[in-house]
Amino acid sequence: MEPDIVVDSNVMRLYGAAHDPAFKAFFSWLRTAGVLACSQKMLVEYSRTGSSLIAALLDELLLASRFRKYSGDQIATIKQRHYKFRSNYADHVHVKLVMCTCRRLCLSQDDSLRYDVTHFPGFAAQAAARPEDLPYR
């Protein structure tokens, strides 16, 4: 099973600026061994940060074949019958993205997004605000 993870833009913006040792260790792992799972909408959010460091990380992951971009069609296969989302509408695609991945892990500082990831019916997914609270390694 590949070591994939979804990283929300509110965490990714810390790349290159994190002072917290746990986030430094997480980003070091992502650069050297992790697989970043992403969607077009997530890429747009990353680009809005304006960080050249994030752009360089994405390029590095692409070159190392450790970047997985899921298409809109792949994400649309995840159905949410009768599930009432707490997260905002724009984040619903991110919840479904997590369900498309192998390990179903999400690192986000958005409480509502984390709630939806962990409570989405039919899947056993994990979400946390801090990397040490996820089995990402």
Foldseek 3Di string as FASTA:
>chain_A
DALEEEEALVLLLCVVPDPDPQSVVVVVCCQPGAAYEEEPLRVVSNVVSVDPRSVVSVVSCVVVVRYHYDYPVLLVVDDQPPDDAPDDPSCPSVLSSLVSDDQSEYADPDPRSQVCNCPRPPDHHHYDPTNVVDPSD
